[in-house]
């Protein structure tokens, strides 16, 4: 299977080089490249802004007769996307930047202005030190003190790094877990102490139940209630005896009559003896009649 993207070409053995067409040397000076513009620019023809990072198909060439420390300088040609006018810019290795050349001008850039301002201040400082030796001495002492402080900080950082080199990740994890366990144990101890304090405070309190009159009567009956209970039971017995007396009727005899009499007034002894004798005689008469 042949290659899809052919990188090598076949040259037959009977190839004659002089028969090949020669390239135009002026045409070989420029190459078409794909690039993004390195800075924001504005077209001089239509005033359109072309922002930094926009992609273009540009023509690239090497600037003849212009070099910086042996490094070649390249020029690029693009066209404005609105008016199609040609814009050119080239590399600036001296400032590590690009410079607009024709067709457009570079817009405001804060970074370049800040760099220029720093360079200007540095130049002014050097001029002042050259004219005033005391000021130069003060600046040198400040710089030396600043360097000493920086060296102290660097030494501290080195010591910390040397200490941490002997500590592995597993040891760090163990220390972290141990710290978490200690914190959890402290929390449990605090919770236990609070619970113990609450329960002790509750145990010191004496809870009393309000005694009602009804419960007091049932639980501890008084003498009066006992007397009332006995009197009510006696009265109920009397009522039941009275009902039974109405239902059963006794036989009326002399003995019953005599027994029914109250014992408070004792009868005379003579009458009692006579009555008993008369009863015996009456009993004898009845037995003889029956015979």
C-alpha atoms as a PDB file:
ATOM      1  CA  UNK A   1       0.000   0.000   0.000  1.00  0.00           C
ATOM      2  CA  UNK A   2       1.414   3.375  -0.996  1.00  0.00           C
ATOM      3  CA  UNK A   3       1.898   6.272   1.350  1.00  0.00           C
ATOM      4  CA  UNK A   4      -0.921   8.751   1.660  1.00  0.00           C
ATOM      5  CA  UNK A   5       1.441  11.644   2.341  1.00  0.00           C
ATOM      6  CA  UNK A   6       4.386  11.090  -0.004  1.00  0.00           C
ATOM      7  CA  UNK A   7       7.628  12.354   1.496  1.00  0.00           C
ATOM      8  CA  UNK A   8      10.088  10.722  -0.905  1.00  0.00           C
ATOM      9  CA  UNK A   9       9.937  10.912  -4.670  1.00  0.00           C
ATOM     10  CA  UNK A  10      11.174   8.440  -7.233  1.00  0.00           C
ATOM     11  CA  UNK A  11      14.027   9.534  -9.459  1.00  0.00           C
ATOM     12  CA  UNK A  12      14.559   7.261 -12.475  1.00  0.00           C
ATOM     13  CA  UNK A  13      18.116   6.248 -13.389  1.00  0.00           C
ATOM     14  CA  UNK A  14      17.916   7.988 -16.776  1.00  0.00           C
ATOM     15  CA  UNK A  15      17.105  11.390 -15.189  1.00  0.00           C
ATOM     16  CA  UNK A  16      18.852  14.370 -16.840  1.00  0.00           C
ATOM     17  CA  UNK A  17      19.166  17.366 -14.500  1.00  0.00           C
ATOM     18  CA  UNK A  18      19.736  19.953 -17.223  1.00  0.00           C
ATOM     19  CA  UNK A  19      16.265  19.258 -18.594  1.00  0.00           C
ATOM     20  CA  UNK A  20      14.565  20.316 -15.301  1.00  0.00           C
ATOM     21  CA  UNK A  21      13.109  23.864 -15.234  1.00  0.00           C
ATOM     22  CA  UNK A  22      14.987  26.373 -13.098  1.00  0.00           C
ATOM     23  CA  UNK A  23      13.227  28.343 -10.346  1.00  0.00           C
ATOM     24  CA  UNK A  24      12.999  32.120 -10.304  1.00  0.00           C
ATOM     25  CA  UNK A  25      15.542  33.420  -7.724  1.00  0.00           C
ATOM     26  CA  UNK A  26      13.371  36.443  -6.875  1.00  0.00           C
ATOM     27  CA  UNK A  27      10.422  34.191  -6.143  1.00  0.00           C
ATOM     28  CA  UNK A  28      12.405  31.959  -3.811  1.00  0.00           C
ATOM     29  CA  UNK A  29      13.107  34.826  -1.417  1.00  0.00           C
ATOM     30  CA  UNK A  30       9.562  34.747   0.027  1.00  0.00           C
ATOM     31  CA  UNK A  31       7.703  31.892   1.710  1.00  0.00           C
ATOM     32  CA  UNK A  32       4.063  31.617   2.731  1.00  0.00           C
ATOM     33  CA  UNK A  33       3.692  30.901   6.441  1.00  0.00           C
ATOM     34  CA  UNK A  34       0.782  30.734   8.873  1.00  0.00           C
ATOM     35  CA  UNK A  35       1.203  32.996  11.895  1.00  0.00           C
ATOM     36  CA  UNK A  36      -0.554  34.996  14.596  1.00  0.00           C
ATOM     37  CA  UNK A  37       0.207  38.687  14.761  1.00  0.00           C
ATOM     38  CA  UNK A  38       2.362  39.440  17.836  1.00  0.00           C
ATOM     39  CA  UNK A  39       0.740  42.765  18.823  1.00  0.00           C
ATOM     40  CA  UNK A  40      -2.442  44.773  18.354  1.00  0.00           C
ATOM     41  CA  UNK A  41      -2.255  47.168  15.413  1.00  0.00           C
ATOM     42  CA  UNK A  42      -4.501  49.625  13.566  1.00  0.00           C
ATOM     43  CA  UNK A  43      -4.688  49.925   9.819  1.00  0.00           C
ATOM     44  CA  UNK A  44      -3.652  53.358   8.489  1.00  0.00           C
ATOM     45  CA  UNK A  45      -6.006  53.110   5.489  1.00  0.00           C
ATOM     46  CA  UNK A  46      -9.368  52.166   7.053  1.00  0.00           C
ATOM     47  CA  UNK A  47      -8.643  52.477  10.796  1.00  0.00           C
ATOM     48  CA  UNK A  48      -9.601  48.855  11.523  1.00  0.00           C
ATOM     49  CA  UNK A  49      -8.136  47.321  14.684  1.00  0.00           C
ATOM     50  CA  UNK A  50      -6.370  43.983  14.206  1.00  0.00           C
ATOM     51  CA  UNK A  51      -6.057  42.364  17.599  1.00  0.00           C
ATOM     52  CA  UNK A  52      -3.164  40.396  19.020  1.00  0.00           C
ATOM     53  CA  UNK A  53      -3.367  36.658  18.224  1.00  0.00           C
ATOM     54  CA  UNK A  54      -5.370  36.870  14.987  1.00  0.00           C
ATOM     55  CA  UNK A  55      -4.202  34.300  12.417  1.00  0.00           C
ATOM     56  CA  UNK A  56      -3.034  35.231   8.907  1.00  0.00           C
ATOM     57  CA  UNK A  57      -1.388  33.605   5.912  1.00  0.00           C
ATOM     58  CA  UNK A  58       1.695  35.837   5.625  1.00  0.00           C
ATOM     59  CA  UNK A  59       4.629  36.112   3.254  1.00  0.00           C
ATOM     60  CA  UNK A  60       7.959  35.808   4.994  1.00  0.00           C
ATOM     61  CA  UNK A  61      11.313  37.087   3.756  1.00  0.00           C
ATOM     62  CA  UNK A  62      14.767  37.779   5.133  1.00  0.00           C
ATOM     63  CA  UNK A  63      15.743  41.441   5.323  1.00  0.00           C
ATOM     64  CA  UNK A  64      18.870  42.023   3.263  1.00  0.00           C
ATOM     65  CA  UNK A  65      21.702  44.062   4.681  1.00  0.00           C
ATOM     66  CA  UNK A  66      20.270  44.214   8.206  1.00  0.00           C
ATOM     67  CA  UNK A  67      21.382  41.964  11.062  1.00  0.00           C
ATOM     68  CA  UNK A  68      21.747  42.176  14.828  1.00  0.00           C
ATOM     69  CA  UNK A  69      24.796  40.445  16.299  1.00  0.00           C
ATOM     70  CA  UNK A  70      24.853  38.066  13.361  1.00  0.00           C
ATOM     71  CA  UNK A  71      21.146  37.166  13.710  1.00  0.00           C
ATOM     72  CA  UNK A  72      18.988  37.694  10.608  1.00  0.00           C
ATOM     73  CA  UNK A  73      15.899  39.877  10.735  1.00  0.00           C
ATOM     74  CA  UNK A  74      12.671  38.631   9.123  1.00  0.00           C
ATOM     75  CA  UNK A  75       9.878  40.649   7.554  1.00  0.00           C
ATOM     76  CA  UNK A  76       6.213  39.571   7.242  1.00  0.00           C
ATOM     77  CA  UNK A  77       3.519  40.817   4.871  1.00  0.00           C
ATOM     78  CA  UNK A  78      -0.211  40.525   5.650  1.00  0.00           C
ATOM     79  CA  UNK A  79      -3.377  42.197   4.348  1.00  0.00           C
ATOM     80  CA  UNK A  80      -6.025  44.077   6.291  1.00  0.00           C
ATOM     81  CA  UNK A  81      -9.188  41.916   6.514  1.00  0.00           C
ATOM     82  CA  UNK A  82     -11.397  44.982   5.751  1.00  0.00           C
ATOM     83  CA  UNK A  83      -9.643  47.074   3.065  1.00  0.00           C
ATOM     84  CA  UNK A  84      -7.084  44.441   1.902  1.00  0.00           C
ATOM     85  CA  UNK A  85      -4.248  46.955   2.112  1.00  0.00           C
ATOM     86  CA  UNK A  86      -0.812  45.489   2.679  1.00  0.00           C
ATOM     87  CA  UNK A  87       0.729  45.669   6.174  1.00  0.00           C
ATOM     88  CA  UNK A  88       4.303  44.739   7.009  1.00  0.00           C
ATOM     89  CA  UNK A  89       6.138  44.236  10.314  1.00  0.00           C
ATOM     90  CA  UNK A  90       9.522  42.739  11.198  1.00  0.00           C
ATOM     91  CA  UNK A  91      11.356  41.148  14.083  1.00  0.00           C
ATOM     92  CA  UNK A  92      13.306  43.217  16.623  1.00  0.00           C
ATOM     93  CA  UNK A  93      15.875  40.931  18.311  1.00  0.00           C
ATOM     94  CA  UNK A  94      17.494  43.853  20.108  1.00  0.00           C
ATOM     95  CA  UNK A  95      14.374  44.358  22.262  1.00  0.00           C
ATOM     96  CA  UNK A  96      13.109  40.751  21.869  1.00  0.00           C
ATOM     97  CA  UNK A  97       9.968  42.098  20.238  1.00  0.00           C
ATOM     98  CA  UNK A  98       8.349  42.986  16.884  1.00  0.00           C
ATOM     99  CA  UNK A  99       8.154  46.380  15.209  1.00  0.00           C
ATOM    100  CA  UNK A 100       5.446  47.712  12.869  1.00  0.00           C
ATOM    101  CA  UNK A 101       6.991  48.834   9.573  1.00  0.00           C
ATOM    102  CA  UNK A 102       4.342  49.951   7.039  1.00  0.00           C
ATOM    103  CA  UNK A 103       0.566  50.022   6.519  1.00  0.00           C
ATOM    104  CA  UNK A 104      -0.301  50.065  10.258  1.00  0.00           C
ATOM    105  CA  UNK A 105       0.901  51.396  13.593  1.00  0.00           C
ATOM    106  CA  UNK A 106       1.159  49.694  16.947  1.00  0.00           C
ATOM    107  CA  UNK A 107      -1.414  50.554  19.613  1.00  0.00           C
ATOM    108  CA  UNK A 108      -0.817  51.253  23.326  1.00  0.00           C
ATOM    109  CA  UNK A 109       0.924  48.466  25.288  1.00  0.00           C
ATOM    110  CA  UNK A 110       1.388  48.803  29.042  1.00  0.00           C
ATOM    111  CA  UNK A 111       4.128  46.203  29.303  1.00  0.00           C
ATOM    112  CA  UNK A 112       6.474  47.967  26.903  1.00  0.00           C
ATOM    113  CA  UNK A 113       5.845  51.316  28.595  1.00  0.00           C
ATOM    114  CA  UNK A 114       6.563  49.795  32.036  1.00  0.00           C
ATOM    115  CA  UNK A 115       9.857  48.357  30.802  1.00  0.00           C
ATOM    116  CA  UNK A 116      10.864  51.704  29.356  1.00  0.00           C
ATOM    117  CA  UNK A 117       9.965  53.440  32.638  1.00  0.00           C
ATOM    118  CA  UNK A 118      12.112  51.029  34.651  1.00  0.00           C
ATOM    119  CA  UNK A 119      15.028  51.582  32.319  1.00  0.00           C
ATOM    120  CA  UNK A 120      14.625  55.357  32.587  1.00  0.00           C
ATOM    121  CA  UNK A 121      14.622  55.267  36.411  1.00  0.00           C
ATOM    122  CA  UNK A 122      17.681  53.048  36.451  1.00  0.00           C
ATOM    123  CA  UNK A 123      19.511  55.431  34.174  1.00  0.00           C
ATOM    124  CA  UNK A 124      18.592  58.438  36.348  1.00  0.00           C
ATOM    125  CA  UNK A 125      19.784  56.616  39.457  1.00  0.00           C
ATOM    126  CA  UNK A 126      23.140  55.834  37.889  1.00  0.00           C
ATOM    127  CA  UNK A 127      23.568  59.470  36.864  1.00  0.00           C
ATOM    128  CA  UNK A 128      22.800  60.695  40.419  1.00  0.00           C
ATOM    129  CA  UNK A 129      25.260  58.233  41.941  1.00  0.00           C
ATOM    130  CA  UNK A 130      27.930  59.362  39.513  1.00  0.00           C
ATOM    131  CA  UNK A 131      27.454  62.988  40.603  1.00  0.00           C
ATOM    132  CA  UNK A 132      26.987  62.321  44.374  1.00  0.00           C
ATOM    133  CA  UNK A 133      29.410  59.816  45.977  1.00  0.00           C
ATOM    134  CA  UNK A 134      27.641  59.894  49.397  1.00  0.00           C
ATOM    135  CA  UNK A 135      24.372  58.880  47.786  1.00  0.00           C
ATOM    136  CA  UNK A 136      26.173  56.075  46.008  1.00  0.00           C
ATOM    137  CA  UNK A 137      27.581  54.872  49.357  1.00  0.00           C
ATOM    138  CA  UNK A 138      24.138  54.916  50.995  1.00  0.00           C
ATOM    139  CA  UNK A 139      22.652  52.977  48.102  1.00  0.00           C
ATOM    140  CA  UNK A 140      25.438  50.395  48.336  1.00  0.00           C
ATOM    141  CA  UNK A 141      24.849  49.897  52.087  1.00  0.00           C
ATOM    142  CA  UNK A 142      21.112  49.469  51.459  1.00  0.00           C
ATOM    143  CA  UNK A 143      21.783  46.954  48.731  1.00  0.00           C
ATOM    144  CA  UNK A 144      24.230  45.006  50.912  1.00  0.00           C
ATOM    145  CA  UNK A 145      21.722  44.925  53.791  1.00  0.00           C
ATOM    146  CA  UNK A 146      19.010  43.745  51.440  1.00  0.00           C
ATOM    147  CA  UNK A 147      21.289  41.022  50.094  1.00  0.00           C
ATOM    148  CA  UNK A 148      22.063  39.852  53.649  1.00  0.00           C
ATOM    149  CA  UNK A 149      18.357  39.622  54.467  1.00  0.00           C
ATOM    150  CA  UNK A 150      17.747  37.631  51.307  1.00  0.00           C
ATOM    151  CA  UNK A 151      20.610  35.266  52.180  1.00  0.00           C
ATOM    152  CA  UNK A 152      19.185  34.712  55.692  1.00  0.00           C
ATOM    153  CA  UNK A 153      15.801  33.853  54.246  1.00  0.00           C
ATOM    154  CA  UNK A 154      17.414  31.470  51.769  1.00  0.00           C
ATOM    155  CA  UNK A 155      19.326  29.743  54.589  1.00  0.00           C
ATOM    156  CA  UNK A 156      16.092  29.263  56.542  1.00  0.00           C
ATOM    157  CA  UNK A 157      14.419  27.786  53.478  1.00  0.00           C
ATOM    158  CA  UNK A 158      17.358  25.426  52.964  1.00  0.00           C
ATOM    159  CA  UNK A 159      17.181  24.258  56.601  1.00  0.00           C
ATOM    160  CA  UNK A 160      13.450  23.613  56.300  1.00  0.00           C
ATOM    161  CA  UNK A 161      13.960  21.666  53.090  1.00  0.00           C
ATOM    162  CA  UNK A 162      16.732  19.612  54.705  1.00  0.00           C
ATOM    163  CA  UNK A 163      14.432  18.729  57.615  1.00  0.00           C
ATOM    164  CA  UNK A 164      11.608  17.769  55.297  1.00  0.00           C
ATOM    165  CA  UNK A 165      13.810  15.555  53.140  1.00  0.00           C
ATOM    166  CA  UNK A 166      13.991  12.906  55.889  1.00  0.00           C
ATOM    167  CA  UNK A 167      10.208  12.895  56.364  1.00  0.00           C
ATOM    168  CA  UNK A 168       8.266  10.572  54.095  1.00  0.00           C
ATOM    169  CA  UNK A 169       4.663  10.824  53.004  1.00  0.00           C
ATOM    170  CA  UNK A 170       3.677   7.887  55.224  1.00  0.00           C
ATOM    171  CA  UNK A 171       5.097   9.585  58.305  1.00  0.00           C
ATOM    172  CA  UNK A 172       3.190  12.753  57.518  1.00  0.00           C
ATOM    173  CA  UNK A 173      -0.029  10.747  57.162  1.00  0.00           C
ATOM    174  CA  UNK A 174       0.601   8.963  60.469  1.00  0.00           C
ATOM    175  CA  UNK A 175       1.166  12.277  62.242  1.00  0.00           C
ATOM    176  CA  UNK A 176      -2.013  13.683  60.737  1.00  0.00           C
ATOM    177  CA  UNK A 177      -4.054  10.634  61.767  1.00  0.00           C
ATOM    178  CA  UNK A 178      -2.592  10.704  65.276  1.00  0.00           C
ATOM    179  CA  UNK A 179      -3.525  14.352  65.616  1.00  0.00           C
ATOM    180  CA  UNK A 180      -7.087  13.583  64.507  1.00  0.00           C
ATOM    181  CA  UNK A 181      -7.322  10.760  67.075  1.00  0.00           C
ATOM    182  CA  UNK A 182      -6.145  13.045  69.871  1.00  0.00           C
ATOM    183  CA  UNK A 183      -8.699  15.677  68.895  1.00  0.00           C
ATOM    184  CA  UNK A 184     -11.508  13.092  68.831  1.00  0.00           C
ATOM    185  CA  UNK A 185     -10.470  11.763  72.263  1.00  0.00           C
ATOM    186  CA  UNK A 186     -10.456  15.274  73.705  1.00  0.00           C
ATOM    187  CA  UNK A 187     -13.945  15.880  72.320  1.00  0.00           C
ATOM    188  CA  UNK A 188     -15.205  12.609  73.842  1.00  0.00           C
ATOM    189  CA  UNK A 189     -13.723  13.510  77.229  1.00  0.00           C
ATOM    190  CA  UNK A 190     -15.413  16.911  77.144  1.00  0.00           C
ATOM    191  CA  UNK A 191     -18.771  15.317  76.255  1.00  0.00           C
ATOM    192  CA  UNK A 192     -18.415  12.724  79.051  1.00  0.00           C
ATOM    193  CA  UNK A 193     -17.552  15.413  81.586  1.00  0.00           C
ATOM    194  CA  UNK A 194     -20.599  17.472  80.591  1.00  0.00           C
ATOM    195  CA  UNK A 195     -22.901  14.439  80.796  1.00  0.00           C
ATOM    196  CA  UNK A 196     -21.520  13.492  84.224  1.00  0.00           C
ATOM    197  CA  UNK A 197     -22.018  17.020  85.516  1.00  0.00           C
ATOM    198  CA  UNK A 198     -25.624  17.070  84.267  1.00  0.00           C
ATOM    199  CA  UNK A 199     -26.490  13.692  85.862  1.00  0.00           C
ATOM    200  CA  UNK A 200     -24.890  14.662  89.179  1.00  0.00           C
ATOM    201  CA  UNK A 201     -26.884  17.880  89.258  1.00  0.00           C
ATOM    202  CA  UNK A 202     -30.103  15.928  88.621  1.00  0.00           C
ATOM    203  CA  UNK A 203     -29.321  13.346  91.353  1.00  0.00           C
ATOM    204  CA  UNK A 204     -28.952  16.113  93.958  1.00  0.00           C
ATOM    205  CA  UNK A 205     -32.521  17.246  93.314  1.00  0.00           C
ATOM    206  CA  UNK A 206     -35.227  15.553  95.540  1.00  0.00           C
ATOM    207  CA  UNK A 207     -38.387  14.973  93.574  1.00  0.00           C
ATOM    208  CA  UNK A 208     -41.580  15.154  95.705  1.00  0.00           C
ATOM    209  CA  UNK A 209     -45.030  13.974  94.633  1.00  0.00           C
ATOM    210  CA  UNK A 210     -47.985  16.053  95.695  1.00  0.00           C
ATOM    211  CA  UNK A 211     -50.236  13.858  97.859  1.00  0.00           C
ATOM    212  CA  UNK A 212     -53.918  14.238  97.015  1.00  0.00           C
ATOM    213  CA  UNK A 213     -56.677  13.744  99.564  1.00  0.00           C
ATOM    214  CA  UNK A 214     -58.038  10.740  97.693  1.00  0.00           C
ATOM    215  CA  UNK A 215     -54.723   8.883  97.616  1.00  0.00           C
ATOM    216  CA  UNK A 216     -54.101   9.792 101.250  1.00  0.00           C
ATOM    217  CA  UNK A 217     -57.399   8.255 102.299  1.00  0.00           C
ATOM    218  CA  UNK A 218     -56.725   5.020 100.412  1.00  0.00           C
ATOM    219  CA  UNK A 219     -53.073   4.689 101.391  1.00  0.00           C
ATOM    220  CA  UNK A 220     -53.230   5.781 105.125  1.00  0.00           C
ATOM    221  CA  UNK A 221     -56.798   5.558 106.439  1.00  0.00           C
ATOM    222  CA  UNK A 222     -57.463   7.623 109.592  1.00  0.00           C
ATOM    223  CA  UNK A 223     -59.202   6.500 112.786  1.00  0.00           C
ATOM    224  CA  UNK A 224     -62.328   8.370 111.826  1.00  0.00           C
ATOM    225  CA  UNK A 225     -62.611   6.570 108.519  1.00  0.00           C
ATOM    226  CA  UNK A 226     -62.090   3.209 110.227  1.00  0.00           C
ATOM    227  CA  UNK A 227     -64.911   3.983 112.721  1.00  0.00           C
ATOM    228  CA  UNK A 228     -67.227   5.062 109.924  1.00  0.00           C
ATOM    229  CA  UNK A 229     -66.454   1.857 108.011  1.00  0.00           C
ATOM    230  CA  UNK A 230     -67.243  -0.361 111.053  1.00  0.00           C
ATOM    231  CA  UNK A 231     -70.472   1.510 111.814  1.00  0.00           C
ATOM    232  CA  UNK A 232     -71.639   1.162 108.217  1.00  0.00           C
ATOM    233  CA  UNK A 233     -70.941  -2.600 108.269  1.00  0.00           C
ATOM    234  CA  UNK A 234     -72.908  -3.011 111.540  1.00  0.00           C
ATOM    235  CA  UNK A 235     -75.863  -1.068 110.175  1.00  0.00           C
ATOM    236  CA  UNK A 236     -75.881  -3.231 107.039  1.00  0.00           C
ATOM    237  CA  UNK A 237     -75.938  -6.377 109.189  1.00  0.00           C
ATOM    238  CA  UNK A 238     -78.841  -4.999 111.202  1.00  0.00           C
ATOM    239  CA  UNK A 239     -80.820  -4.282 108.061  1.00  0.00           C
ATOM    240  CA  UNK A 240     -80.235  -7.800 106.751  1.00  0.00           C
ATOM    241  CA  UNK A 241     -81.289  -9.319 110.092  1.00  0.00           C
ATOM    242  CA  UNK A 242     -84.478  -7.258 110.074  1.00  0.00           C
ATOM    243  CA  UNK A 243     -85.370  -8.566 106.611  1.00  0.00           C
ATOM    244  CA  UNK A 244     -84.768 -12.161 107.675  1.00  0.00           C
ATOM    245  CA  UNK A 245     -86.885 -11.685 110.804  1.00  0.00           C
ATOM    246  CA  UNK A 246     -89.851 -10.701 108.677  1.00  0.00           C
ATOM    247  CA  UNK A 247     -89.462 -13.793 106.528  1.00  0.00           C
ATOM    248  CA  UNK A 248     -89.120 -16.385 109.410  1.00  0.00           C
ATOM    249  CA  UNK A 249     -91.666 -16.498 112.135  1.00  0.00           C
ATOM    250  CA  UNK A 250     -90.946 -17.999 115.530  1.00  0.00           C
ATOM    251  CA  UNK A 251     -93.293 -20.202 117.559  1.00  0.00           C
ATOM    252  CA  UNK A 252     -94.684 -18.366 120.539  1.00  0.00           C
ATOM    253  CA  UNK A 253     -93.965 -20.260 123.748  1.00  0.00           C
ATOM    254  CA  UNK A 254     -93.664 -19.427 127.347  1.00  0.00           C
ATOM    255  CA  UNK A 255     -89.955 -19.908 127.237  1.00  0.00           C
ATOM    256  CA  UNK A 256     -89.709 -17.536 124.328  1.00  0.00           C
ATOM    257  CA  UNK A 257     -91.772 -15.011 126.151  1.00  0.00           C
ATOM    258  CA  UNK A 258     -89.630 -15.392 129.220  1.00  0.00           C
ATOM    259  CA  UNK A 259     -86.456 -15.160 127.203  1.00  0.00           C
ATOM    260  CA  UNK A 260     -87.809 -12.147 125.370  1.00  0.00           C
ATOM    261  CA  UNK A 261     -88.134 -10.250 128.596  1.00  0.00           C
ATOM    262  CA  UNK A 262     -85.238  -7.954 129.351  1.00  0.00           C
ATOM    263  CA  UNK A 263     -82.580  -9.274 131.732  1.00  0.00           C
ATOM    264  CA  UNK A 264     -82.183  -5.938 133.358  1.00  0.00           C
ATOM    265  CA  UNK A 265     -85.080  -6.717 135.799  1.00  0.00           C
ATOM    266  CA  UNK A 266     -84.523 -10.179 137.280  1.00  0.00           C
ATOM    267  CA  UNK A 267     -87.843 -12.039 138.073  1.00  0.00           C
ATOM    268  CA  UNK A 268     -88.562 -13.201 141.576  1.00  0.00           C
ATOM    269  CA  UNK A 269     -87.374 -16.737 142.318  1.00  0.00           C
ATOM    270  CA  UNK A 270     -90.719 -17.942 143.746  1.00  0.00           C
ATOM    271  CA  UNK A 271     -92.682 -17.236 140.600  1.00  0.00           C
ATOM    272  CA  UNK A 272     -90.082 -18.957 138.415  1.00  0.00           C
ATOM    273  CA  UNK A 273     -90.240 -22.112 140.472  1.00  0.00           C
ATOM    274  CA  UNK A 274     -94.052 -22.128 140.379  1.00  0.00           C
ATOM    275  CA  UNK A 275     -94.121 -21.725 136.643  1.00  0.00           C
ATOM    276  CA  UNK A 276     -91.720 -24.593 136.121  1.00  0.00           C
ATOM    277  CA  UNK A 277     -93.801 -26.864 138.367  1.00  0.00           C
ATOM    278  CA  UNK A 278     -96.996 -25.976 136.564  1.00  0.00           C
ATOM    279  CA  UNK A 279     -95.363 -26.766 133.237  1.00  0.00           C
ATOM    280  CA  UNK A 280     -94.279 -30.166 134.459  1.00  0.00           C
ATOM    281  CA  UNK A 281     -97.779 -30.962 135.702  1.00  0.00           C
ATOM    282  CA  UNK A 282     -99.276 -29.889 132.418  1.00  0.00           C
ATOM    283  CA  UNK A 283     -96.839 -32.128 130.539  1.00  0.00           C
ATOM    284  CA  UNK A 284     -97.820 -35.105 132.745  1.00  0.00           C
ATOM    285  CA  UNK A 285    -101.521 -34.531 132.104  1.00  0.00           C
ATOM    286  CA  UNK A 286    -101.029 -34.461 128.371  1.00  0.00           C
ATOM    287  CA  UNK A 287     -99.082 -37.708 128.412  1.00  0.00           C
ATOM    288  CA  UNK A 288    -101.778 -39.484 130.448  1.00  0.00           C
ATOM    289  CA  UNK A 289    -104.531 -38.380 128.115  1.00  0.00           C
ATOM    290  CA  UNK A 290    -102.675 -39.658 125.169  1.00  0.00           C
ATOM    291  CA  UNK A 291    -102.407 -43.088 126.811  1.00  0.00           C
END
